[in-house]
Amino acid sequence: MKKTHKLTLTAMMIAIGTISSNLLYIPVGFTKVFPVQHFLNVLSAVLLGPYYAVAQAFCVSLLRNLMGTGSIFAFPGSMVGALLAALLFWKTRKFYLAFIGEVIGTGIIGALLSYPIATLLLGQKATLFGFIPLFIFSSFAGALLGFVILTIFIRKKVFFMNRNLDSRVKG
């Protein structure tokens, strides 16, 4: 995929993530659960690679925070999940590893990285593992949707115009 195509697709995903954040978030405590972000992370990880996936996650998190529909916890969760999903996919070319990378990256690593933000920066009382159930729930739901959509699209040959990528992708 050409760089212009990647930038355009990344911008479209940022727009979708930003617009849908006004409609589809779930406030839980001082966090805001947003499964659409994890759906977009899996899509960008598979279609665009690690740099664009992390950039997309950062931009959506930043715009959500500026609009008041996100929390500061969106940054570590979404960016780590997007990076791990992209690295696992691009190393193995297996969709299910992008799904697993998103859930582990966001649900566990991102949740653990959110603890110091909550306690040190925000002064909130939180437990070290308190974010994990919320982050896993959100990332699992969104990443599963991304996995299902990608599986359907690869079978129908919707997204991939590069035959080289089609031959290397494994379900």
C-alpha atoms as a PDB file:
ATOM      1  CA  MET A   1       0.000   0.000   0.000  1.00  0.00           C
ATOM      2  CA  LYS A   2       1.338   3.430  -0.903  1.00  0.00           C
ATOM      3  CA  LYS A   3       2.096   6.007   1.754  1.00  0.00           C
ATOM      4  CA  THR A   4      -0.754   8.248   0.584  1.00  0.00           C
ATOM      5  CA  HIS A   5      -3.203   5.363   0.922  1.00  0.00           C
ATOM      6  CA  LYS A   6      -1.931   4.593   4.413  1.00  0.00           C
ATOM      7  CA  LEU A   7      -2.227   8.226   5.506  1.00  0.00           C
ATOM      8  CA  THR A   8      -5.737   8.468   4.072  1.00  0.00           C
ATOM      9  CA  LEU A   9      -6.881   5.250   5.736  1.00  0.00           C
ATOM     10  CA  THR A  10      -5.324   6.363   9.023  1.00  0.00           C
ATOM     11  CA  ALA A  11      -7.129   9.711   8.805  1.00  0.00           C
ATOM     12  CA  MET A  12     -10.419   7.935   8.102  1.00  0.00           C
ATOM     13  CA  MET A  13      -9.940   5.693  11.131  1.00  0.00           C
ATOM     14  CA  ILE A  14      -9.135   8.723  13.281  1.00  0.00           C
ATOM     15  CA  ALA A  15     -12.319  10.402  12.063  1.00  0.00           C
ATOM     16  CA  ILE A  16     -14.409   7.294  12.758  1.00  0.00           C
ATOM     17  CA  GLY A  17     -12.895   6.926  16.225  1.00  0.00           C
ATOM     18  CA  THR A  18     -13.404  10.589  17.062  1.00  0.00           C
ATOM     19  CA  ILE A  19     -16.978  10.816  15.804  1.00  0.00           C
ATOM     20  CA  SER A  20     -18.080   7.537  17.364  1.00  0.00           C
ATOM     21  CA  SER A  21     -16.554   8.498  20.718  1.00  0.00           C
ATOM     22  CA  ASN A  22     -19.464  10.890  21.205  1.00  0.00           C
ATOM     23  CA  LEU A  23     -21.936   8.039  20.771  1.00  0.00           C
ATOM     24  CA  LEU A  24     -20.400   4.790  21.995  1.00  0.00           C
ATOM     25  CA  TYR A  25     -18.493   5.149  25.239  1.00  0.00           C
ATOM     26  CA  ILE A  26     -19.326   3.676  28.621  1.00  0.00           C
ATOM     27  CA  PRO A  27     -18.383   5.729  31.702  1.00  0.00           C
ATOM     28  CA  VAL A  28     -17.083   3.446  34.448  1.00  0.00           C
ATOM     29  CA  GLY A  29     -15.656   5.213  37.484  1.00  0.00           C
ATOM     30  CA  PHE A  30     -13.089   7.746  36.328  1.00  0.00           C
ATOM     31  CA  THR A  31     -12.465   5.875  33.055  1.00  0.00           C
ATOM     32  CA  LYS A  32     -14.453   5.800  29.840  1.00  0.00           C
ATOM     33  CA  VAL A  33     -14.624   2.414  28.121  1.00  0.00           C
ATOM     34  CA  PHE A  34     -14.524   2.733  24.314  1.00  0.00           C
ATOM     35  CA  PRO A  35     -14.563  -0.599  22.393  1.00  0.00           C
ATOM     36  CA  VAL A  36     -14.503   1.152  19.004  1.00  0.00           C
ATOM     37  CA  GLN A  37     -10.894   2.169  19.683  1.00  0.00           C
ATOM     38  CA  HIS A  38      -9.853  -1.460  19.983  1.00  0.00           C
ATOM     39  CA  PHE A  39     -11.727  -2.359  16.811  1.00  0.00           C
ATOM     40  CA  LEU A  40      -9.806   0.395  15.014  1.00  0.00           C
ATOM     41  CA  ASN A  41      -6.538  -0.732  16.595  1.00  0.00           C
ATOM     42  CA  VAL A  42      -6.910  -4.235  15.172  1.00  0.00           C
ATOM     43  CA  LEU A  43      -7.865  -2.876  11.746  1.00  0.00           C
ATOM     44  CA  SER A  44      -4.962  -0.436  11.641  1.00  0.00           C
ATOM     45  CA  ALA A  45      -2.529  -3.030  12.996  1.00  0.00           C
ATOM     46  CA  VAL A  46      -3.381  -5.435  10.188  1.00  0.00           C
ATOM     47  CA  LEU A  47      -3.890  -2.968   7.355  1.00  0.00           C
ATOM     48  CA  LEU A  48      -1.281  -0.316   8.130  1.00  0.00           C
ATOM     49  CA  GLY A  49       1.435  -1.612  10.447  1.00  0.00           C
ATOM     50  CA  PRO A  50       2.844  -0.508  13.787  1.00  0.00           C
ATOM     51  CA  TYR A  51       3.700   3.148  13.070  1.00  0.00           C
ATOM     52  CA  TYR A  52       0.332   4.051  11.636  1.00  0.00           C
ATOM     53  CA  ALA A  53      -1.533   1.963  14.228  1.00  0.00           C
ATOM     54  CA  VAL A  54       0.140   3.780  17.119  1.00  0.00           C
ATOM     55  CA  ALA A  55      -0.335   7.149  15.404  1.00  0.00           C
ATOM     56  CA  GLN A  56      -4.034   6.392  14.898  1.00  0.00           C
ATOM     57  CA  ALA A  57      -4.444   5.337  18.537  1.00  0.00           C
ATOM     58  CA  PHE A  58      -2.636   8.449  19.765  1.00  0.00           C
ATOM     59  CA  CYS A  59      -4.661  10.837  17.581  1.00  0.00           C
ATOM     60  CA  VAL A  60      -8.012   9.317  18.549  1.00  0.00           C
ATOM     61  CA  SER A  61      -7.042   9.404  22.236  1.00  0.00           C
ATOM     62  CA  LEU A  62      -5.901  13.009  21.954  1.00  0.00           C
ATOM     63  CA  LEU A  63      -9.037  14.156  20.135  1.00  0.00           C
ATOM     64  CA  ARG A  64     -11.295  12.259  22.558  1.00  0.00           C
ATOM     65  CA  ASN A  65      -9.578  13.982  25.478  1.00  0.00           C
ATOM     66  CA  LEU A  66      -9.847  17.391  23.858  1.00  0.00           C
ATOM     67  CA  MET A  67     -13.562  16.833  23.237  1.00  0.00           C
ATOM     68  CA  GLY A  68     -14.193  15.517  26.747  1.00  0.00           C
ATOM     69  CA  THR A  69     -15.265  12.031  25.643  1.00  0.00           C
ATOM     70  CA  GLY A  70     -12.060  10.339  26.717  1.00  0.00           C
ATOM     71  CA  SER A  71      -9.828  10.064  29.725  1.00  0.00           C
ATOM     72  CA  ILE A  72      -6.080  10.196  30.105  1.00  0.00           C
ATOM     73  CA  PHE A  73      -6.130   6.397  30.436  1.00  0.00           C
ATOM     74  CA  ALA A  74      -6.918   6.152  26.725  1.00  0.00           C
ATOM     75  CA  PHE A  75      -3.293   6.883  25.860  1.00  0.00           C
ATOM     76  CA  PRO A  76      -1.447   3.963  27.471  1.00  0.00           C
ATOM     77  CA  GLY A  77      -4.241   1.497  26.793  1.00  0.00           C
ATOM     78  CA  SER A  78      -4.870   2.185  23.150  1.00  0.00           C
ATOM     79  CA  MET A  79      -1.298   2.878  22.082  1.00  0.00           C
ATOM     80  CA  VAL A  80       0.247  -0.190  23.712  1.00  0.00           C
ATOM     81  CA  GLY A  81      -2.569  -2.379  22.388  1.00  0.00           C
ATOM     82  CA  ALA A  82      -2.184  -1.050  18.852  1.00  0.00           C
ATOM     83  CA  LEU A  83       1.588  -1.533  18.946  1.00  0.00           C
ATOM     84  CA  LEU A  84       1.473  -5.085  20.275  1.00  0.00           C
ATOM     85  CA  ALA A  85      -1.314  -6.073  17.862  1.00  0.00           C
ATOM     86  CA  ALA A  86       0.621  -4.668  14.911  1.00  0.00           C
ATOM     87  CA  LEU A  87       3.926  -6.245  15.907  1.00  0.00           C
ATOM     88  CA  LEU A  88       2.393  -9.675  16.447  1.00  0.00           C
ATOM     89  CA  PHE A  89       0.468  -9.519  13.177  1.00  0.00           C
ATOM     90  CA  TRP A  90       3.333  -8.239  11.059  1.00  0.00           C
ATOM     91  CA  LYS A  91       5.665 -10.860  12.519  1.00  0.00           C
ATOM     92  CA  THR A  92       3.310 -13.827  11.984  1.00  0.00           C
ATOM     93  CA  ARG A  93       0.601 -12.636   9.536  1.00  0.00           C
ATOM     94  CA  LYS A  94      -2.120 -14.224  11.690  1.00  0.00           C
ATOM     95  CA  PHE A  95      -5.276 -12.265  12.513  1.00  0.00           C
ATOM     96  CA  TYR A  96      -5.857 -14.004  15.803  1.00  0.00           C
ATOM     97  CA  LEU A  97      -2.475 -12.787  17.055  1.00  0.00           C
ATOM     98  CA  ALA A  98      -3.484  -9.195  16.287  1.00  0.00           C
ATOM     99  CA  PHE A  99      -6.598  -9.856  18.372  1.00  0.00           C
ATOM    100  CA  ILE A 100      -4.552 -11.375  21.210  1.00  0.00           C
ATOM    101  CA  GLY A 101      -1.987  -8.557  20.988  1.00  0.00           C
ATOM    102  CA  GLU A 102      -4.708  -5.936  21.344  1.00  0.00           C
ATOM    103  CA  VAL A 103      -6.287  -7.657  24.347  1.00  0.00           C
ATOM    104  CA  ILE A 104      -2.967  -8.249  26.129  1.00  0.00           C
ATOM    105  CA  GLY A 105      -1.508  -4.865  25.158  1.00  0.00           C
ATOM    106  CA  THR A 106      -4.543  -2.888  26.261  1.00  0.00           C
ATOM    107  CA  GLY A 107      -6.171  -5.204  28.775  1.00  0.00           C
ATOM    108  CA  ILE A 108      -3.101  -6.051  30.799  1.00  0.00           C
ATOM    109  CA  ILE A 109      -0.093  -3.883  29.918  1.00  0.00           C
ATOM    110  CA  GLY A 110      -2.089  -0.700  29.269  1.00  0.00           C
ATOM    111  CA  ALA A 111      -4.113  -1.281  32.427  1.00  0.00           C
ATOM    112  CA  LEU A 112      -0.958  -1.674  34.502  1.00  0.00           C
ATOM    113  CA  LEU A 113       0.500   1.494  32.951  1.00  0.00           C
ATOM    114  CA  SER A 114      -2.682   3.361  33.920  1.00  0.00           C
ATOM    115  CA  TYR A 115      -2.164   2.680  37.620  1.00  0.00           C
ATOM    116  CA  PRO A 116       0.661   5.216  38.107  1.00  0.00           C
ATOM    117  CA  ILE A 117      -1.310   7.786  36.108  1.00  0.00           C
ATOM    118  CA  ALA A 118      -4.294   7.351  38.416  1.00  0.00           C
ATOM    119  CA  THR A 119      -2.349   7.416  41.659  1.00  0.00           C
ATOM    120  CA  LEU A 120       0.496   9.831  40.962  1.00  0.00           C
ATOM    121  CA  LEU A 121      -0.945  12.281  38.448  1.00  0.00           C
ATOM    122  CA  LEU A 122      -4.639  12.270  39.324  1.00  0.00           C
ATOM    123  CA  GLY A 123      -4.370  11.449  43.015  1.00  0.00           C
ATOM    124  CA  GLN A 124      -7.129   8.847  42.722  1.00  0.00           C
ATOM    125  CA  LYS A 125      -7.255   5.757  44.881  1.00  0.00           C
ATOM    126  CA  ALA A 126      -6.759   2.720  42.661  1.00  0.00           C
ATOM    127  CA  THR A 127      -5.450  -0.797  42.973  1.00  0.00           C
ATOM    128  CA  LEU A 128      -2.646  -2.075  40.784  1.00  0.00           C
ATOM    129  CA  PHE A 129      -4.875  -4.626  39.066  1.00  0.00           C
ATOM    130  CA  GLY A 130      -8.097  -2.609  39.302  1.00  0.00           C
ATOM    131  CA  PHE A 131      -8.050  -1.414  35.701  1.00  0.00           C
ATOM    132  CA  ILE A 132      -7.508  -4.855  34.179  1.00  0.00           C
ATOM    133  CA  PRO A 133     -11.153  -6.086  34.174  1.00  0.00           C
ATOM    134  CA  LEU A 134     -12.417  -2.861  32.566  1.00  0.00           C
ATOM    135  CA  PHE A 135      -9.655  -2.694  29.993  1.00  0.00           C
ATOM    136  CA  ILE A 136      -9.942  -6.400  29.122  1.00  0.00           C
ATOM    137  CA  PHE A 137     -13.712  -6.138  28.689  1.00  0.00           C
ATOM    138  CA  SER A 138     -13.401  -3.157  26.371  1.00  0.00           C
ATOM    139  CA  SER A 139     -10.449  -4.469  24.384  1.00  0.00           C
ATOM    140  CA  PHE A 140     -11.897  -7.970  24.049  1.00  0.00           C
ATOM    141  CA  ALA A 141     -15.205  -6.682  22.665  1.00  0.00           C
ATOM    142  CA  GLY A 142     -13.621  -4.273  20.184  1.00  0.00           C
ATOM    143  CA  ALA A 143     -10.785  -6.562  19.118  1.00  0.00           C
ATOM    144  CA  LEU A 144     -13.193  -9.454  18.576  1.00  0.00           C
ATOM    145  CA  LEU A 145     -15.284  -7.275  16.288  1.00  0.00           C
ATOM    146  CA  GLY A 146     -12.138  -6.270  14.390  1.00  0.00           C
ATOM    147  CA  PHE A 147     -11.048  -9.894  14.076  1.00  0.00           C
ATOM    148  CA  VAL A 148     -14.457 -10.978  12.751  1.00  0.00           C
ATOM    149  CA  ILE A 149     -14.650  -8.103  10.255  1.00  0.00           C
ATOM    150  CA  LEU A 150     -11.120  -8.747   8.984  1.00  0.00           C
ATOM    151  CA  THR A 151     -11.795 -12.463   8.626  1.00  0.00           C
ATOM    152  CA  ILE A 152     -14.908 -11.769   6.569  1.00  0.00           C
ATOM    153  CA  PHE A 153     -13.163  -9.125   4.471  1.00  0.00           C
ATOM    154  CA  ILE A 154     -10.181 -11.316   3.661  1.00  0.00           C
ATOM    155  CA  ARG A 155     -12.480 -14.141   2.563  1.00  0.00           C
ATOM    156  CA  LYS A 156     -14.479 -11.755   0.374  1.00  0.00           C
ATOM    157  CA  LYS A 157     -11.269 -10.021  -0.773  1.00  0.00           C
ATOM    158  CA  VAL A 158     -12.631  -6.596   0.154  1.00  0.00           C
ATOM    159  CA  PHE A 159      -9.634  -4.825   1.683  1.00  0.00           C
ATOM    160  CA  PHE A 160      -6.507  -6.308   0.265  1.00  0.00           C
ATOM    161  CA  MET A 161      -5.594  -5.074  -3.154  1.00  0.00           C
ATOM    162  CA  ASN A 162      -2.053  -6.311  -2.767  1.00  0.00           C
ATOM    163  CA  ARG A 163      -1.867  -9.948  -3.837  1.00  0.00           C
ATOM    164  CA  ASN A 164       1.407 -10.314  -1.992  1.00  0.00           C
ATOM    165  CA  LEU A 165      -0.332  -9.599   1.313  1.00  0.00           C
ATOM    166  CA  ASP A 166      -3.233 -11.951   0.497  1.00  0.00           C
ATOM    167  CA  SER A 167      -0.889 -14.881   0.059  1.00  0.00           C
ATOM    168  CA  ARG A 168       0.939 -14.199   3.348  1.00  0.00           C
ATOM    169  CA  VAL A 169      -2.121 -13.688   5.555  1.00  0.00           C
ATOM    170  CA  LYS A 170      -3.192 -16.662   7.591  1.00  0.00           C
ATOM    171  CA  GLY A 171      -6.572 -16.756   9.350  1.00  0.00           C
END
